Protein backbone atom coordinates (compact mmCIF):
# COMPACT_ATOMS: atom_id res chain seq x y z
CA MET A 1 103.05 66.77 -1.66
CA GLY A 2 100.08 68.67 -0.22
CA ILE A 3 100.36 66.75 3.03
CA LEU A 4 104.05 67.67 3.29
CA ARG A 5 103.28 71.36 2.73
CA LEU A 6 100.52 71.22 5.35
CA GLY A 7 102.90 69.60 7.81
CA LYS A 8 105.50 72.32 7.21
CA TRP A 9 102.91 75.05 7.71
CA ILE A 10 101.71 73.48 10.96
CA SER A 11 105.31 73.24 12.16
CA VAL A 12 105.91 76.90 11.31
CA VAL A 13 102.71 77.99 13.10
CA LEU A 14 103.61 75.95 16.18
CA LEU A 15 107.12 77.42 16.21
CA VAL A 16 105.71 80.94 15.95
CA LEU A 17 103.31 80.25 18.82
CA VAL A 18 106.09 78.84 20.99
CA VAL A 19 108.36 81.82 20.27
CA ALA A 20 105.51 84.29 20.84
CA GLY A 21 104.53 82.54 24.07
CA GLY A 22 108.11 82.58 25.29
CA ALA A 23 108.43 86.26 24.46
CA LEU A 24 105.17 87.04 26.23
CA PHE A 25 106.30 85.12 29.32
CA TYR A 26 109.61 87.00 29.28
CA VAL A 27 107.89 90.39 29.05
CA PHE A 28 105.41 89.41 31.77
CA ASN A 29 108.19 88.47 34.19
CA ARG A 30 110.30 91.50 33.34
CA THR A 31 107.27 93.74 33.90
CA PHE A 32 105.87 92.33 37.12
CA TYR A 33 108.75 90.39 38.69
CA PRO A 34 111.92 92.29 37.80
CA ASP A 35 115.12 91.48 39.65
CA ALA A 36 116.77 94.26 41.60
CA PRO A 37 120.16 95.32 40.18
CA VAL A 38 123.19 93.66 41.73
CA ALA A 39 125.19 95.98 43.99
CA ASP A 40 128.69 96.68 42.68
CA PHE A 41 130.66 98.58 45.30
CA PRO A 42 134.16 98.15 46.72
CA PRO A 43 134.37 96.99 50.34
CA PRO A 44 133.43 99.96 52.56
CA ASN A 45 136.16 101.51 54.69
CA ASP A 46 133.92 102.63 57.53
CA LEU A 47 130.32 103.11 58.63
CA ALA A 48 129.96 106.29 56.60
CA SER A 49 130.98 104.65 53.33
CA ALA A 50 128.86 101.57 54.12
CA GLN A 51 125.75 103.64 54.70
CA LYS A 52 126.45 105.82 51.66
CA GLN A 53 126.69 102.72 49.49
CA ASP A 54 123.42 101.41 50.89
CA PHE A 55 121.67 104.72 50.28
CA GLU A 56 123.09 104.80 46.75
CA HIS A 57 121.88 101.29 46.01
CA PHE A 58 118.50 102.10 47.51
CA LYS A 59 117.94 104.60 44.68
CA HIS A 60 117.04 101.60 42.52
CA TYR A 61 114.09 100.98 44.81
CA LEU A 62 112.49 104.24 43.74
CA GLU A 63 112.73 103.00 40.15
CA LEU A 64 111.41 99.52 40.90
CA ASP A 65 108.42 100.32 43.10
CA LYS A 66 105.43 101.63 41.14
CA ALA A 67 103.18 102.60 44.04
CA TYR A 68 104.58 106.11 44.56
CA THR A 69 102.53 109.00 43.24
CA PRO A 70 104.67 111.59 41.40
CA ALA A 71 104.50 113.89 44.43
CA ALA A 72 105.40 111.09 46.84
CA ARG A 73 108.31 109.97 44.64
CA LYS A 74 109.67 113.51 44.58
CA GLU A 75 109.39 113.69 48.38
CA ALA A 76 111.08 110.30 48.68
CA GLU A 77 113.99 111.42 46.50
CA GLN A 78 114.47 114.53 48.63
CA MET A 79 114.27 112.54 51.85
CA LEU A 80 116.80 110.05 50.49
CA ALA A 81 119.22 112.87 49.68
CA ASN A 82 118.79 114.32 53.19
CA GLN A 83 119.37 110.98 54.88
CA SER A 84 122.31 110.12 52.66
CA ALA A 85 124.00 113.29 53.87
CA LYS A 86 123.85 111.85 57.40
CA ALA A 87 125.70 108.65 56.45
CA GLY A 88 128.08 107.62 59.19
CA THR A 89 126.14 109.40 61.94
CA LEU A 90 123.15 107.04 61.98
CA THR A 91 122.88 104.10 64.34
CA PRO A 92 121.78 100.84 62.70
CA ALA A 93 118.26 101.39 64.04
CA GLN A 94 118.18 104.98 62.79
CA PHE A 95 119.39 103.83 59.39
CA ASP A 96 116.70 101.14 59.16
CA LEU A 97 113.98 103.61 60.14
CA ALA A 98 115.29 106.16 57.62
CA ILE A 99 114.84 103.61 54.84
CA ALA A 100 111.47 102.53 56.24
CA ARG A 101 110.24 106.14 56.29
CA ILE A 102 111.13 106.63 52.62
CA VAL A 103 109.47 103.37 51.65
CA ALA A 104 106.36 104.33 53.64
CA LEU A 105 105.81 107.36 51.42
CA ALA A 106 104.49 104.93 48.79
CA ASP A 107 101.56 104.40 51.19
CA ASN A 108 101.13 100.85 49.93
CA ALA A 109 101.09 97.77 52.14
CA HIS A 110 103.06 95.64 49.67
CA SER A 111 105.80 98.27 49.56
CA SER A 112 107.60 97.80 52.85
CA VAL A 113 110.73 96.97 54.74
CA SER A 114 110.36 93.26 55.49
CA ARG A 115 109.00 93.28 59.03
CA GLY A 116 110.16 89.91 60.27
CA PRO A 117 113.80 90.50 59.32
CA LEU A 118 113.54 94.03 60.71
CA SER A 119 112.42 92.73 64.10
CA ARG A 120 115.22 90.16 64.19
CA ARG A 121 117.81 92.87 63.56
CA HIS A 122 117.02 94.72 66.78
CA ASN A 123 116.47 94.01 70.45
CA ARG A 124 113.05 92.91 71.70
CA LEU A 125 111.29 92.69 75.01
CA PRO A 126 110.90 89.28 76.66
CA CYS A 127 107.16 89.66 76.03
CA ARG A 128 105.09 89.57 72.87
CA PHE A 129 102.10 91.78 72.15
CA TYR A 130 98.93 91.08 70.22
CA ARG A 131 96.43 93.71 69.18
CA PHE A 132 92.83 92.72 69.85
CA SER A 133 89.99 95.08 68.96
CA ASP A 134 90.14 96.48 72.49
CA GLY A 135 93.88 97.11 72.62
CA TYR A 136 97.34 95.57 72.99
CA PHE A 137 97.79 92.66 75.38
CA VAL A 138 100.82 90.65 76.52
CA LEU A 139 100.21 87.30 74.87
CA ARG A 140 103.57 85.59 75.33
CA ALA A 141 106.15 86.08 78.04
CA GLN A 142 109.52 84.91 79.26
CA GLU A 143 110.26 84.84 83.00
CA ALA A 144 111.23 88.53 83.17
CA CYS A 145 107.85 89.52 81.76
CA ALA A 146 105.75 86.76 83.33
CA PRO A 147 103.98 89.05 85.87
CA LEU A 148 102.53 90.97 82.91
CA LEU A 149 101.20 87.96 81.01
CA GLY A 150 97.63 88.64 79.87
CA ALA A 151 97.82 92.31 80.92
CA LYS A 152 96.58 95.14 78.74
CA VAL A 153 99.37 97.53 77.69
CA LEU A 154 98.43 101.11 78.57
CA ALA A 155 101.58 103.16 78.13
CA ILE A 156 105.23 103.03 77.08
CA ASP A 157 107.60 105.34 78.95
CA GLY A 158 104.59 107.31 80.17
CA VAL A 159 103.06 107.82 76.71
CA PRO A 160 99.73 106.12 75.88
CA VAL A 161 100.49 103.06 73.79
CA ASP A 162 98.04 104.08 71.05
CA GLU A 163 99.88 107.40 70.71
CA VAL A 164 103.20 105.58 70.35
CA ALA A 165 101.67 103.28 67.75
CA ASN A 166 100.29 106.31 65.89
CA ARG A 167 103.76 107.84 65.65
CA MET A 168 105.40 104.62 64.47
CA TYR A 169 102.83 104.30 61.67
CA ALA A 170 104.97 106.81 59.74
CA TYR A 171 107.42 103.95 59.08
CA THR A 172 104.99 101.68 57.21
CA GLY A 173 102.20 103.44 55.33
CA GLY A 174 99.44 101.39 53.73
CA PRO A 175 96.07 100.72 55.39
CA ARG A 176 96.10 101.67 59.04
CA ASN A 177 94.27 98.57 60.28
CA HIS A 178 96.81 96.27 58.61
CA TYR A 179 99.66 98.17 60.30
CA ASP A 180 97.91 98.01 63.66
CA GLN A 181 97.48 94.26 63.41
CA SER A 182 100.66 93.04 61.75
CA ALA A 183 103.40 95.65 62.16
CA SER A 184 102.81 97.79 65.24
CA PRO A 185 103.59 95.01 67.80
CA LEU A 186 107.03 94.52 66.22
CA PHE A 187 107.82 98.21 66.76
CA LEU A 188 106.36 98.37 70.26
CA GLU A 189 108.41 95.35 71.37
CA SER A 190 111.76 96.94 70.43
CA PRO A 191 113.17 99.67 72.68
CA GLU A 192 115.98 100.10 70.16
CA LEU A 193 113.60 100.99 67.32
CA LEU A 194 111.40 103.12 69.57
CA HIS A 195 114.45 105.00 70.86
CA ALA A 196 115.73 105.58 67.31
CA ALA A 197 112.33 107.10 66.48
CA GLY A 198 112.38 109.29 69.58
CA GLN A 199 109.59 107.28 71.23
CA ALA A 200 111.57 105.72 74.11
CA THR A 201 113.97 107.30 76.55
CA GLN A 202 116.47 104.43 76.45
CA ALA A 203 117.47 101.94 73.79
CA ASP A 204 117.73 98.87 76.02
CA ARG A 205 114.57 99.08 78.17
CA ILE A 206 111.14 100.62 78.45
CA LEU A 207 108.72 101.36 81.26
CA LEU A 208 105.48 99.50 80.66
CA ARG A 209 102.26 100.53 82.37
CA VAL A 210 99.61 97.81 82.20
CA ARG A 211 96.18 96.89 83.49
CA LEU A 212 96.26 93.48 85.14
CA ALA A 213 93.50 90.87 85.07
CA ASP A 214 92.11 92.07 88.42
CA GLY A 215 91.67 95.60 87.05
CA SER A 216 94.57 97.13 88.93
CA GLU A 217 97.33 99.03 87.15
CA ALA A 218 101.05 98.36 87.49
CA GLU A 219 104.34 99.59 86.09
CA GLN A 220 107.45 97.58 85.32
CA VAL A 221 110.76 98.42 83.70
CA VAL A 222 111.42 95.67 81.16
CA LEU A 223 114.93 95.09 79.79
CA ALA A 224 115.20 94.03 76.16
CA ASP A 225 116.84 90.86 74.98
CA PRO A 226 119.61 91.24 72.37
CA ALA A 227 118.75 90.91 68.70
CA ASN A 228 118.28 87.28 67.78
CA PRO A 229 118.57 86.25 64.11
CA ASP A 230 117.08 82.87 65.04
CA GLU A 231 113.75 84.26 66.24
CA PRO A 232 110.75 82.34 64.87
CA ARG A 233 109.66 83.49 61.41
CA VAL A 234 106.14 84.38 62.54
CA PHE A 235 103.83 87.31 63.07
CA SER A 236 101.93 87.91 66.30
CA ASP A 237 98.95 85.82 65.19
CA ALA A 238 101.04 82.69 65.86
CA TYR A 239 100.98 83.54 69.56
CA LEU A 240 97.19 83.15 69.71
CA SER A 241 97.84 79.43 70.10
CA PRO A 242 99.41 78.25 73.37
CA ASP A 243 101.34 75.62 71.42
CA PRO A 244 105.08 76.19 71.01
CA VAL A 245 106.02 77.97 67.81
CA ASP A 246 108.58 76.36 65.51
CA GLY A 247 111.98 77.76 66.46
CA GLU A 248 110.74 79.26 69.72
CA ALA A 249 113.17 79.12 72.64
CA PRO A 250 112.04 77.30 75.80
CA GLY A 251 110.50 79.31 78.60
CA TRP A 252 107.78 81.21 76.73
CA THR A 253 104.36 81.05 78.39
CA SER A 254 100.84 81.88 77.23
CA PRO A 255 97.67 83.02 79.05
CA LEU A 256 96.06 79.80 77.81
CA THR A 257 97.01 76.35 79.02
CA ALA A 258 98.28 73.71 76.61
CA ASP A 259 95.15 71.60 77.16
CA ALA A 260 92.69 74.47 76.56
CA GLU A 261 89.71 73.62 74.34
CA LEU A 262 90.59 76.11 71.62
CA PRO A 263 88.02 77.46 69.17
CA LEU A 264 88.19 75.79 65.80
CA PHE A 265 90.15 78.51 64.03
CA LEU A 266 93.02 78.30 66.55
CA ARG A 267 93.43 74.53 66.67
CA ASP A 268 96.49 72.87 65.13
CA TYR A 269 97.80 76.33 64.39
CA GLY A 270 100.66 75.19 62.18
CA ASN A 271 98.18 73.74 59.70
CA PRO A 272 97.33 76.45 57.11
CA PHE A 273 94.29 74.61 55.73
CA ARG A 274 91.34 73.09 57.55
CA SER A 275 87.87 71.80 56.71
CA THR A 276 85.09 70.10 58.65
CA TYR A 277 81.41 69.37 58.15
CA ASP A 278 78.70 69.50 60.81
CA ALA A 279 75.92 67.27 59.54
CA HIS A 280 73.51 68.41 62.28
CA SER A 281 73.57 72.07 61.23
CA GLY A 282 74.38 71.39 57.59
CA VAL A 283 77.32 73.83 57.78
CA TYR A 284 80.63 73.17 56.05
CA TYR A 285 83.60 75.06 57.53
CA VAL A 286 86.79 75.71 55.54
CA GLN A 287 89.79 77.75 56.61
CA PHE A 288 92.61 79.21 54.52
CA LYS A 289 95.57 80.89 56.23
CA SER A 290 97.51 81.02 52.98
CA ASN A 291 97.07 80.87 49.22
CA GLN A 292 100.21 78.96 48.42
CA ASP A 293 102.08 75.80 49.33
CA GLU A 294 103.31 75.83 52.90
CA LYS A 295 105.88 73.47 54.40
CA GLY A 296 104.30 70.01 54.43
CA HIS A 297 100.97 71.40 53.21
CA PRO A 298 100.53 71.70 49.42
CA ILE A 299 97.52 73.78 48.56
CA ALA A 300 96.27 72.13 45.34
CA PRO A 301 95.26 68.83 47.01
CA PHE A 302 93.41 70.77 49.71
CA VAL A 303 91.48 72.83 47.14
CA ALA A 304 90.53 69.61 45.37
CA LEU A 305 89.47 68.11 48.72
CA VAL A 306 87.21 71.07 49.45
CA LYS A 307 85.48 70.69 46.12
CA ARG A 308 84.94 66.96 46.68
CA GLU A 309 83.68 67.42 50.23
CA ILE A 310 81.16 70.11 49.29
CA THR A 311 79.93 68.05 46.35
CA SER A 312 79.64 64.98 48.58
CA HIS A 313 78.23 66.49 51.78
CA LYS A 314 75.88 68.92 50.01
CA PRO A 315 75.94 71.47 52.85
CA ARG A 316 73.22 74.00 53.37
CA ALA A 317 75.68 76.73 54.29
CA ILE A 318 79.44 77.29 53.99
CA VAL A 319 81.61 79.23 56.42
CA LEU A 320 84.80 80.38 54.67
CA ASP A 321 87.33 81.52 57.26
CA LEU A 322 89.83 83.95 55.71
CA ARG A 323 90.50 86.03 58.81
CA LEU A 324 94.11 84.75 59.09
CA ASP A 325 94.76 84.51 55.33
CA ARG A 326 97.78 86.73 54.61
CA GLY A 327 97.89 85.84 50.92
CA GLY A 328 100.21 84.18 48.45
CA ASP A 329 99.21 83.24 44.88
CA PHE A 330 95.55 84.07 44.39
CA THR A 331 95.30 81.91 41.27
CA THR A 332 95.58 78.78 43.46
CA THR A 333 92.13 79.45 44.91
CA ALA A 334 90.53 81.87 42.43
CA ASN A 335 88.35 79.33 40.64
CA LEU A 336 87.24 77.83 43.94
CA MET A 337 86.21 81.27 45.22
CA LYS A 338 84.31 82.09 42.02
CA ASN A 339 82.34 78.86 42.13
CA LEU A 340 82.05 78.12 45.86
CA PRO A 341 78.31 78.93 46.19
CA ARG A 342 77.52 76.71 43.19
CA LEU A 343 79.51 73.57 44.03
CA ALA A 344 76.32 72.03 45.39
CA ASP A 345 72.74 73.05 44.65
CA THR A 346 71.97 72.76 48.36
CA VAL A 347 74.16 75.75 49.30
CA GLN A 348 71.93 78.59 50.41
CA HIS A 349 74.59 80.93 51.73
CA VAL A 350 78.34 81.49 52.18
CA TYR A 351 79.54 83.34 55.27
CA VAL A 352 83.03 84.81 54.89
CA LEU A 353 85.03 85.63 58.03
CA THR A 354 87.58 88.47 57.69
CA SER A 355 89.96 90.59 59.76
CA ALA A 356 92.85 92.97 59.22
CA TRP A 357 95.03 89.88 58.76
CA THR A 358 93.05 89.10 55.59
CA PHE A 359 95.47 90.44 53.02
CA SER A 360 96.69 90.29 49.43
CA ALA A 361 95.48 87.04 47.81
CA GLY A 362 93.10 86.63 50.74
CA ASN A 363 91.40 89.84 49.67
CA VAL A 364 91.14 88.62 46.08
CA GLY A 365 89.17 85.65 47.41
CA VAL A 366 86.74 88.00 49.18
CA ALA A 367 86.37 90.11 46.02
CA LEU A 368 85.71 87.09 43.79
CA LEU A 369 83.10 85.72 46.18
CA LYS A 370 81.30 89.05 46.34
CA GLU A 371 81.49 89.34 42.54
CA HIS A 372 80.16 85.89 41.75
CA GLY A 373 78.12 85.07 44.86
CA GLY A 374 74.80 86.18 43.43
CA GLY A 375 73.52 87.55 46.75
CA LYS A 376 74.50 84.42 48.65
CA VAL A 377 77.58 85.94 50.34
CA THR A 378 77.74 87.69 53.72
CA VAL A 379 81.04 89.01 55.09
CA ILE A 380 81.37 88.86 58.88
CA GLY A 381 84.08 90.29 61.11
CA GLU A 382 86.38 93.29 60.68
CA PRO A 383 87.59 95.05 57.51
CA VAL A 384 90.28 93.30 55.50
CA GLY A 385 93.86 94.59 55.61
CA ASP A 386 94.11 96.29 52.24
CA ARG A 387 92.34 98.67 49.90
CA LEU A 388 90.22 98.21 46.82
CA ARG A 389 93.03 99.66 44.70
CA LEU A 390 96.64 98.77 45.43
CA TRP A 391 100.00 97.72 44.04
CA ALA A 392 101.27 94.17 44.57
CA GLU A 393 103.45 91.55 42.80
CA GLY A 394 107.11 92.63 42.49
CA GLY A 395 109.97 91.26 44.54
CA SER A 396 112.52 92.33 47.11
CA MET A 397 115.95 93.90 47.23
CA VAL A 398 118.66 93.61 49.88
CA LEU A 399 120.96 96.52 50.68
CA PRO A 400 124.59 95.42 50.30
CA ASN A 401 126.02 96.34 53.70
CA SER A 402 123.18 96.58 56.20
CA LYS A 403 121.45 93.58 54.52
CA LEU A 404 118.10 95.27 55.08
CA ARG A 405 115.42 93.60 52.93
CA ILE A 406 112.77 95.73 51.22
CA GLY A 407 109.77 94.63 49.16
CA TYR A 408 108.76 96.54 46.04
CA ALA A 409 105.42 96.42 44.20
CA THR A 410 104.99 96.45 40.42
CA GLY A 411 101.46 95.34 39.51
CA LEU A 412 98.28 97.38 39.84
CA HIS A 413 95.19 95.66 41.25
CA ASP A 414 91.80 97.35 41.22
CA TYR A 415 88.81 95.46 42.62
CA ARG A 416 86.36 98.29 41.93
CA ARG A 417 86.63 97.95 38.16
CA PRO A 418 89.03 96.43 35.60
CA CYS A 419 92.20 98.51 35.14
CA ARG A 420 93.13 97.11 31.71
CA ALA A 421 93.83 100.49 30.11
CA GLU A 422 96.03 101.77 32.95
CA PRO A 423 99.83 101.54 33.04
CA GLY A 424 101.02 98.78 35.35
CA CYS A 425 97.70 96.90 35.47
CA TYR A 426 98.48 93.31 36.43
CA TRP A 427 97.67 91.21 33.38
CA ILE A 428 96.29 88.21 35.28
CA MET A 429 93.52 90.36 36.75
CA ALA A 430 91.97 90.50 33.27
CA PHE A 431 90.88 86.89 33.82
CA TYR A 432 89.32 87.72 37.20
CA PRO A 433 87.62 91.14 36.87
CA THR A 434 85.63 92.38 39.85
CA HIS A 435 83.37 95.35 40.54
CA ILE A 436 83.36 95.61 44.33
CA ALA A 437 82.07 98.71 46.08
CA SER A 438 83.59 98.00 49.48
CA PHE A 439 85.53 95.52 51.59
CA GLU A 440 83.57 96.55 54.68
CA PRO A 441 81.98 93.57 56.42
CA ASP A 442 78.23 93.18 56.11
CA VAL A 443 78.09 92.20 59.78
CA ARG A 444 80.69 93.85 62.01
CA VAL A 445 81.97 91.53 64.76
CA GLU A 446 85.07 92.31 66.82
CA TYR A 447 87.47 89.91 68.48
CA ARG A 448 88.29 91.07 72.02
CA TYR A 449 90.76 89.79 74.56
CA ALA A 450 87.88 88.61 76.77
CA ASP A 451 86.70 86.41 73.88
CA TYR A 452 90.17 84.95 73.58
CA ARG A 453 90.44 84.18 77.30
CA ALA A 454 86.95 82.67 77.33
CA LEU A 455 87.88 80.45 74.34
CA ARG A 456 85.07 81.99 72.31
CA ASP A 457 84.92 82.67 68.59
CA PRO A 458 82.37 85.46 68.15
CA LEU A 459 82.76 85.52 64.36
CA LEU A 460 81.96 81.85 63.90
CA GLU A 461 79.20 82.09 66.50
CA ARG A 462 77.57 84.89 64.51
CA ALA A 463 77.89 82.95 61.27
CA MET A 464 76.24 79.90 62.85
CA GLU A 465 73.42 82.08 64.22
CA LEU A 466 72.77 83.51 60.76
CA ALA A 467 72.92 80.05 59.18
CA ALA A 468 70.39 78.76 61.73
CA ALA A 469 68.13 81.74 61.04
CA ASP A 470 68.33 81.04 57.33
CA ARG A 471 67.42 77.42 57.96
CA ALA A 472 64.40 78.48 60.01
CA GLY A 473 63.34 80.90 57.31
CA VAL A 474 64.04 84.00 59.38
CA VAL A 475 64.96 87.10 57.37
CA ASN A 476 68.28 88.58 58.53
């Protein structure tokens, strides 16, 4: 009889735990990954009613996104009312920028109009820009833009390109270096968006002034190609490789030849994960461009491989390349980052490479390494693309008529100190607390266009120099 009672009590306890766990999971998802309300409007009669409906539905965004300060939310509500009054008079580009401007008031990089879809909604030049530390350069070109390939962009319609980029920053918010690297080229490549913002004289073309490879300056009027919904789903970093991009139309050319001996971090660009060991120097190199499964590249087996390789090779130093890591699910790599310096007792130092592309879950990796590295971690490169305190998680909503996609943020992250007592603190961060004073690199190294053309990797070169100095017993 006692055994039966015990069995019943165990069953009851297990049932309670299952119910409590299910309830907790439900609350967690409702708190940090809420779905946007479904739009329920009749078919619009004209542009005015279509835009009014979109503005009306967008009001839910101001409820969903938690990054706005009270003052910023009040300003956003007023701006939304002002723009809604203009419904029917706005071009599609003006409408998109109106929404983007309201979203940008959150001043949070995870709160944004989705940039890839935005660029595919509007015309673009037959050339693609990339921002190196020394400016914007034409890194991909179709025939109409081929004479400008590899040129430095100086001005757009007579206005210095940096000034144009400064003005377009109002449509993104968040850290400036992240905007410069990931978003500004998409704006600068679209005469339609620039014209809607008052930064170009015509909506179908712009006058580019450039500095060519020989040092001379030239001007060329460049006509835009029509909007193309089938554009490759990539950011400008994909154009660093001369290899064709998935979905890229024929005819695009690069300053680098297809047989160029690329630096390690640019090889096999479609592969998000890479590792290699140099037995001569005792340096193990590992690269993450993502913190989640990518097509054909599951992340868990790679993380397991890294652990096995470090344990087996017993490297003296590790170079962790996160400079192109735009994030994902930080829990996929969190334990690796916490324990990386201790996977082998031979590891003397970990050199972490960062840039403004290093973002979201990529930044969590940097924070965890700095937290648990015990003085064995040196960050090399340029500052990461986000702040020590930010809002992330969330989801996205799509406006019913324009189909504009907008990401909202719901979970507070603070890498300076645990935020447990604060409203909105992301629960998972309680398992990975950090106390980081800065994301500034310990050793500042820039990546210039001349480095790119010379097939150099100054960040990795600096890391190898420091590793060699450590091996020789030289104090850095």
